[in-house]
């Protein structure tokens, strides 16, 4: 939207007794656009550029990502799609069994009609080929978990996911390499290790014999893809877990006493014989007009005092947990 349009809106609101800054108006407009709520603004007079406001709103809405296209929505749609196919396969297999018992054939287009019926029931719009249903029933694999070969570590992967989520909640998240090492330790000396070795031999996945029965980065990529709706990897971050322990009145008072002693020793401040109340401008006032506690140290040379506050990320180490690009495993959404 053009600046003149914002000016016209601000002027119109001023005539109604409403004062608002340009930045505040812009933020409110953007918030309403995100919520897709119609905005109605009336301006007194005919010479205004409000027509550009509507065009700007329409352009912003059209340029944004379609509503509901997030990864969570896609995951839910995939689960609904899989459940629909599973229901179709079960009903189709039951009908085939009944027909074999009574030595009959299915009606013409029975499967196509069943697919359309189930799509309407589950509110699925994607195409479901009849060949998919027929092959799943023929292979007796009605509900495959994913395309391709199943992982030989399906059972252990569920345990690893639970461990990773719990360790993340304890602020002791595992790194990617630690997750791989943990999986290798979980399957060591079990039948799952033999399954992994047999799988690697069958698909020729190892270059040397020492790697047989152990998983690596290739398995990790597949593991993260299969469980991406539950766990993710992200950069490390430090947490001040003892913050509430040291932020007490005694500790803060001690900190200020040490700072004031250093200022007095540097001869840029003096100790006051009689503590007094001051306002924000540094003038002595009564207690009812004071700002803060009683002042017992007077700053005599403020031009020599360097005061630092709210230093920001250049000195604060709160988020400095990202070491050498290491990524840690956490629950999705945390």
Protein backbone atom coordinates (compact mmCIF):
# COMPACT_ATOMS: atom_id res chain seq x y z
CA UNK A 1 0.00 0.00 0.00
CA UNK A 2 1.30 3.47 -0.85
CA UNK A 3 2.35 5.92 1.84
CA UNK A 4 -0.36 8.36 0.81
CA UNK A 5 -3.00 5.73 1.53
CA UNK A 6 -1.66 5.27 5.07
CA UNK A 7 -1.65 9.05 5.48
CA UNK A 8 -5.29 9.25 4.38
CA UNK A 9 -6.30 6.53 6.83
CA UNK A 10 -4.40 8.15 9.74
CA UNK A 11 -6.02 11.52 8.95
CA UNK A 12 -9.47 9.94 8.86
CA UNK A 13 -8.91 8.24 12.19
CA UNK A 14 -7.67 11.52 13.68
CA UNK A 15 -10.93 13.21 12.71
CA UNK A 16 -12.73 10.49 14.68
CA UNK A 17 -10.53 11.16 17.71
CA UNK A 18 -8.34 8.09 17.23
CA UNK A 19 -4.57 8.63 17.27
CA UNK A 20 -2.33 5.93 15.84
CA UNK A 21 1.20 5.90 14.49
CA UNK A 22 2.11 4.72 11.02
CA UNK A 23 4.04 1.71 12.33
CA UNK A 24 1.19 0.65 14.61
CA UNK A 25 -1.30 0.93 11.73
CA UNK A 26 0.94 -1.09 9.43
CA UNK A 27 1.34 -3.88 12.02
CA UNK A 28 -2.40 -4.05 12.60
CA UNK A 29 -3.08 -4.24 8.87
CA UNK A 30 -0.54 -7.06 8.48
CA UNK A 31 -2.04 -8.93 11.44
CA UNK A 32 -5.53 -8.69 9.99
CA UNK A 33 -4.27 -9.87 6.62
CA UNK A 34 -2.70 -12.94 8.23
CA UNK A 35 -5.99 -13.74 9.94
CA UNK A 36 -7.84 -13.18 6.64
CA UNK A 37 -10.33 -10.85 8.32
CA UNK A 38 -11.91 -8.18 6.06
CA UNK A 39 -10.82 -4.64 6.95
CA UNK A 40 -13.26 -1.78 6.43
CA UNK A 41 -11.94 1.78 6.55
CA UNK A 42 -14.00 4.89 5.82
CA UNK A 43 -12.37 8.18 4.85
CA UNK A 44 -14.14 11.52 4.66
CA UNK A 45 -13.61 13.06 1.28
CA UNK A 46 -13.30 11.85 -2.27
CA UNK A 47 -9.60 12.40 -2.94
CA UNK A 48 -8.10 9.28 -1.37
CA UNK A 49 -6.04 6.35 -2.54
CA UNK A 50 -7.97 3.66 -0.70
CA UNK A 51 -8.45 1.72 -3.92
CA UNK A 52 -4.78 0.81 -3.78
CA UNK A 53 -5.33 -0.55 -0.27
CA UNK A 54 -7.64 -3.28 -1.57
CA UNK A 55 -5.22 -4.14 -4.35
CA UNK A 56 -2.38 -4.35 -1.85
CA UNK A 57 -4.36 -6.69 0.40
CA UNK A 58 -5.26 -8.95 -2.51
CA UNK A 59 -1.65 -9.05 -3.71
CA UNK A 60 -0.38 -9.94 -0.23
CA UNK A 61 -2.95 -12.70 0.20
CA UNK A 62 -2.19 -14.19 -3.21
CA UNK A 63 1.57 -14.07 -2.60
CA UNK A 64 1.37 -15.88 0.73
CA UNK A 65 1.51 -19.63 1.16
CA UNK A 66 -1.96 -21.18 0.87
CA UNK A 67 -3.68 -21.65 4.20
CA UNK A 68 -3.30 -25.18 5.55
CA UNK A 69 -0.19 -26.08 3.53
CA UNK A 70 2.05 -26.56 6.54
CA UNK A 71 3.95 -29.76 7.18
CA UNK A 72 1.55 -30.70 9.99
CA UNK A 73 -1.41 -30.40 7.64
CA UNK A 74 0.39 -32.47 5.02
CA UNK A 75 1.15 -35.13 7.62
CA UNK A 76 -2.50 -35.29 8.71
CA UNK A 77 -3.62 -35.52 5.08
CA UNK A 78 -1.19 -38.38 4.48
CA UNK A 79 -2.51 -40.28 7.50
CA UNK A 80 -6.09 -39.80 6.30
CA UNK A 81 -5.11 -40.92 2.79
CA UNK A 82 -3.41 -44.07 4.14
CA UNK A 83 -6.40 -44.89 6.34
CA UNK A 84 -8.72 -44.52 3.36
CA UNK A 85 -6.64 -46.92 1.26
CA UNK A 86 -6.46 -49.37 4.16
CA UNK A 87 -10.25 -49.33 4.54
CA UNK A 88 -10.71 -49.89 0.80
CA UNK A 89 -8.28 -52.82 0.81
CA UNK A 90 -10.00 -54.46 3.79
CA UNK A 91 -13.47 -54.18 2.25
CA UNK A 92 -12.23 -55.34 -1.16
CA UNK A 93 -10.39 -58.33 0.35
CA UNK A 94 -13.49 -59.27 2.37
CA UNK A 95 -15.64 -59.14 -0.77
CA UNK A 96 -13.16 -61.31 -2.70
CA UNK A 97 -13.15 -63.89 0.10
CA UNK A 98 -16.95 -63.97 0.14
CA UNK A 99 -17.07 -64.40 -3.62
CA UNK A 100 -14.59 -67.28 -3.48
CA UNK A 101 -16.74 -68.99 -0.87
CA UNK A 102 -19.87 -68.75 -3.01
CA UNK A 103 -17.93 -69.07 -6.30
CA UNK A 104 -19.04 -65.72 -7.63
CA UNK A 105 -17.42 -62.75 -9.32
CA UNK A 106 -17.46 -59.09 -8.30
CA UNK A 107 -19.82 -56.79 -10.12
CA UNK A 108 -18.46 -54.65 -12.90
CA UNK A 109 -16.79 -51.44 -11.60
CA UNK A 110 -17.27 -52.62 -8.02
CA UNK A 111 -13.77 -51.52 -7.00
CA UNK A 112 -14.12 -48.10 -8.65
CA UNK A 113 -17.43 -47.52 -6.86
CA UNK A 114 -15.90 -48.61 -3.55
CA UNK A 115 -13.01 -46.18 -4.01
CA UNK A 116 -15.32 -43.24 -4.68
CA UNK A 117 -17.48 -44.16 -1.68
CA UNK A 118 -14.49 -44.31 0.67
CA UNK A 119 -13.00 -41.10 -0.71
CA UNK A 120 -16.22 -39.29 0.13
CA UNK A 121 -16.31 -40.88 3.60
CA UNK A 122 -12.72 -39.87 4.45
CA UNK A 123 -12.90 -36.56 2.55
CA UNK A 124 -9.97 -37.49 0.31
CA UNK A 125 -9.45 -35.61 -2.95
CA UNK A 126 -6.26 -37.30 -4.20
CA UNK A 127 -6.47 -40.01 -6.79
CA UNK A 128 -6.44 -43.65 -5.62
CA UNK A 129 -5.61 -46.02 -8.51
CA UNK A 130 -7.44 -49.33 -8.66
CA UNK A 131 -4.11 -51.03 -9.43
CA UNK A 132 -2.82 -49.98 -6.00
CA UNK A 133 -5.71 -51.70 -4.23
CA UNK A 134 -5.47 -54.83 -6.36
CA UNK A 135 -1.70 -55.23 -5.82
CA UNK A 136 -1.94 -54.73 -2.05
CA UNK A 137 -4.68 -57.31 -1.73
CA UNK A 138 -2.82 -59.73 -4.03
CA UNK A 139 0.40 -59.35 -1.99
CA UNK A 140 -1.56 -59.55 1.28
CA UNK A 141 0.12 -56.33 2.38
CA UNK A 142 -2.87 -54.13 3.04
CA UNK A 143 -1.20 -51.48 5.21
CA UNK A 144 2.52 -51.00 4.35
CA UNK A 145 4.24 -48.41 6.51
CA UNK A 146 6.16 -46.85 3.63
CA UNK A 147 7.31 -47.47 0.09
CA UNK A 148 10.32 -49.68 -0.44
CA UNK A 149 12.08 -52.13 1.83
CA UNK A 150 11.26 -52.17 5.54
CA UNK A 151 14.01 -51.23 7.97
CA UNK A 152 15.51 -54.20 9.86
CA UNK A 153 15.47 -52.01 13.01
CA UNK A 154 11.78 -51.11 13.19
CA UNK A 155 11.39 -52.25 16.79
CA UNK A 156 14.56 -50.56 18.04
CA UNK A 157 13.75 -47.33 16.23
CA UNK A 158 10.65 -46.82 18.37
CA UNK A 159 12.77 -47.13 21.50
CA UNK A 160 15.36 -44.71 20.12
CA UNK A 161 12.70 -42.11 19.33
CA UNK A 162 11.36 -42.31 22.89
CA UNK A 163 14.88 -41.95 24.34
CA UNK A 164 15.70 -38.94 22.13
CA UNK A 165 12.50 -37.15 23.08
CA UNK A 166 13.01 -37.78 26.78
CA UNK A 167 16.66 -36.65 26.69
CA UNK A 168 15.60 -33.45 24.93
CA UNK A 169 13.05 -32.72 27.66
CA UNK A 170 15.84 -33.16 30.24
CA UNK A 171 17.97 -30.51 28.43
CA UNK A 172 20.48 -33.28 27.62
CA UNK A 173 19.71 -33.69 23.92
CA UNK A 174 21.74 -36.22 21.96
CA UNK A 175 23.76 -35.23 18.93
CA UNK A 176 23.39 -37.05 15.62
CA UNK A 177 26.57 -39.10 16.16
CA UNK A 178 25.51 -39.93 19.72
CA UNK A 179 22.17 -41.13 18.38
CA UNK A 180 23.93 -43.43 15.91
CA UNK A 181 26.24 -44.76 18.63
CA UNK A 182 23.26 -45.31 20.93
CA UNK A 183 21.48 -47.38 18.27
CA UNK A 184 24.59 -49.50 17.73
CA UNK A 185 24.85 -50.11 21.47
CA UNK A 186 21.15 -51.03 21.70
CA UNK A 187 21.40 -53.74 19.03
CA UNK A 188 24.87 -55.04 19.96
CA UNK A 189 24.77 -58.79 20.59
CA UNK A 190 21.08 -59.16 19.68
CA UNK A 191 19.23 -60.69 16.77
CA UNK A 192 18.66 -57.18 15.42
CA UNK A 193 22.37 -56.84 14.77
CA UNK A 194 22.26 -60.05 12.77
CA UNK A 195 19.30 -58.68 10.82
CA UNK A 196 21.28 -55.52 10.02
CA UNK A 197 24.29 -57.55 8.88
CA UNK A 198 22.10 -59.78 6.70
CA UNK A 199 20.41 -56.69 5.21
CA UNK A 200 23.77 -55.06 4.46
CA UNK A 201 25.08 -58.20 2.76
CA UNK A 202 21.95 -58.60 0.70
CA UNK A 203 21.97 -55.01 -0.53
CA UNK A 204 25.79 -54.67 -0.67
CA UNK A 205 25.85 -51.62 1.61
CA UNK A 206 29.24 -52.08 3.35
CA UNK A 207 32.72 -51.68 1.94
CA UNK A 208 34.55 -53.62 4.68
CA UNK A 209 33.68 -56.46 7.02
CA UNK A 210 34.15 -54.34 10.17
CA UNK A 211 31.04 -52.28 9.34
CA UNK A 212 28.64 -55.21 9.12
CA UNK A 213 26.02 -55.14 11.85
CA UNK A 214 26.49 -51.40 12.50
CA UNK A 215 24.45 -48.46 11.27
CA UNK A 216 25.79 -45.16 9.99
CA UNK A 217 24.77 -41.86 8.45
CA UNK A 218 22.86 -43.59 5.65
CA UNK A 219 20.59 -45.32 8.13
CA UNK A 220 20.27 -42.06 10.09
CA UNK A 221 18.95 -40.15 7.08
CA UNK A 222 16.29 -42.78 6.52
CA UNK A 223 15.47 -42.92 10.23
CA UNK A 224 14.96 -39.15 10.40
CA UNK A 225 12.80 -39.23 7.28
CA UNK A 226 10.59 -41.99 8.69
CA UNK A 227 10.17 -40.22 12.03
CA UNK A 228 10.31 -36.59 10.89
CA UNK A 229 6.82 -35.96 12.25
CA UNK A 230 8.06 -36.72 15.79
CA UNK A 231 11.70 -35.66 16.05
CA UNK A 232 13.91 -33.05 14.38
CA UNK A 233 17.54 -31.93 14.58
CA UNK A 234 18.44 -28.36 15.45
CA UNK A 235 21.35 -26.27 16.66
CA UNK A 236 22.41 -26.34 20.28
CA UNK A 237 21.41 -23.66 22.76
CA UNK A 238 22.53 -22.98 26.32
CA UNK A 239 19.89 -22.72 29.01
CA UNK A 240 20.36 -20.85 32.29
CA UNK A 241 18.87 -23.61 34.44
CA UNK A 242 20.03 -21.91 37.67
CA UNK A 243 18.77 -18.45 36.74
CA UNK A 244 16.12 -18.38 39.47
CA UNK A 245 18.67 -19.50 42.08
CA UNK A 246 21.00 -16.51 41.80
CA UNK A 247 18.50 -13.73 41.00
CA UNK A 248 17.80 -12.89 44.64
CA UNK A 249 17.75 -9.49 46.39
CA UNK A 250 20.86 -10.29 48.43
CA UNK A 251 22.88 -11.27 45.36
CA UNK A 252 21.79 -8.22 43.38
CA UNK A 253 22.55 -5.91 46.33
CA UNK A 254 25.99 -7.47 46.66
CA UNK A 255 26.62 -6.95 42.94
CA UNK A 256 25.75 -3.24 43.15
CA UNK A 257 27.87 -2.78 46.31
CA UNK A 258 30.90 -4.20 44.50
CA UNK A 259 30.28 -1.93 41.50
CA UNK A 260 29.91 1.17 43.70
CA UNK A 261 33.10 0.35 45.63
CA UNK A 262 35.01 0.14 42.35
CA UNK A 263 33.58 3.48 41.22
CA UNK A 264 34.59 5.12 44.52
CA UNK A 265 38.08 3.65 44.25
CA UNK A 266 38.36 5.05 40.72
CA UNK A 267 37.39 8.48 42.17
CA UNK A 268 34.45 9.00 39.86
CA UNK A 269 31.92 8.66 42.71
CA UNK A 270 31.70 9.57 46.38
CA UNK A 271 29.96 8.04 49.36
CA UNK A 272 27.12 10.23 50.65
CA UNK A 273 27.03 10.95 54.37
CA UNK A 274 23.23 11.02 54.32
CA UNK A 275 21.36 8.77 51.86
CA UNK A 276 18.54 10.59 50.06
CA UNK A 277 15.78 10.02 47.52
CA UNK A 278 16.24 11.21 43.92
CA UNK A 279 14.08 11.39 40.82
CA UNK A 280 14.94 10.23 37.30
CA UNK A 281 16.88 13.46 36.63
CA UNK A 282 19.12 13.02 39.66
CA UNK A 283 17.54 15.75 41.79
CA UNK A 284 16.91 15.30 45.51
CA UNK A 285 13.16 14.92 46.15
CA UNK A 286 10.77 13.65 48.76
CA UNK A 287 9.99 9.96 49.06
CA UNK A 288 6.62 10.36 47.32
CA UNK A 289 8.34 11.72 44.17
CA UNK A 290 11.41 9.49 44.19
CA UNK A 291 12.52 6.96 41.62
CA UNK A 292 13.93 3.75 43.11
CA UNK A 293 15.66 3.24 46.47
CA UNK A 294 17.65 5.66 48.60
CA UNK A 295 20.89 6.84 46.98
CA UNK A 296 24.03 6.54 49.11
CA UNK A 297 26.60 6.96 46.31
CA UNK A 298 26.90 10.18 44.27
CA UNK A 299 28.44 10.04 40.78
CA UNK A 300 30.83 13.02 40.64
CA UNK A 301 32.43 12.48 37.22
CA UNK A 302 29.86 10.81 34.93
CA UNK A 303 31.96 11.63 31.86
CA UNK A 304 34.52 9.03 33.00
CA UNK A 305 31.99 6.31 33.74
CA UNK A 306 31.36 3.67 31.10
CA UNK A 307 28.05 1.94 31.78
CA UNK A 308 26.99 -1.19 29.85
CA UNK A 309 23.51 -2.67 29.96
CA UNK A 310 21.47 -5.00 27.71
CA UNK A 311 24.65 -6.02 25.91
CA UNK A 312 22.85 -8.42 23.57
CA UNK A 313 24.12 -11.46 21.71
CA UNK A 314 27.65 -10.13 21.18
CA UNK A 315 28.51 -10.76 24.85
CA UNK A 316 25.61 -12.88 26.09
CA UNK A 317 26.36 -16.59 25.75
CA UNK A 318 22.80 -17.82 26.24
CA UNK A 319 22.47 -19.12 22.67
CA UNK A 320 26.12 -20.05 22.16
CA UNK A 321 25.53 -23.79 22.28
CA UNK A 322 26.09 -24.30 18.55
CA UNK A 323 29.59 -25.81 18.49
CA UNK A 324 31.09 -26.61 15.07
CA UNK A 325 27.65 -26.99 13.50
CA UNK A 326 26.66 -29.87 15.80
CA UNK A 327 22.94 -30.63 15.60
CA UNK A 328 20.94 -32.18 18.42
CA UNK A 329 17.85 -34.39 18.38
CA UNK A 330 14.71 -32.92 19.94
CA UNK A 331 10.99 -33.45 19.80
CA UNK A 332 9.28 -31.66 16.97
CA UNK A 333 7.74 -28.37 18.06
CA UNK A 334 10.13 -27.72 20.95
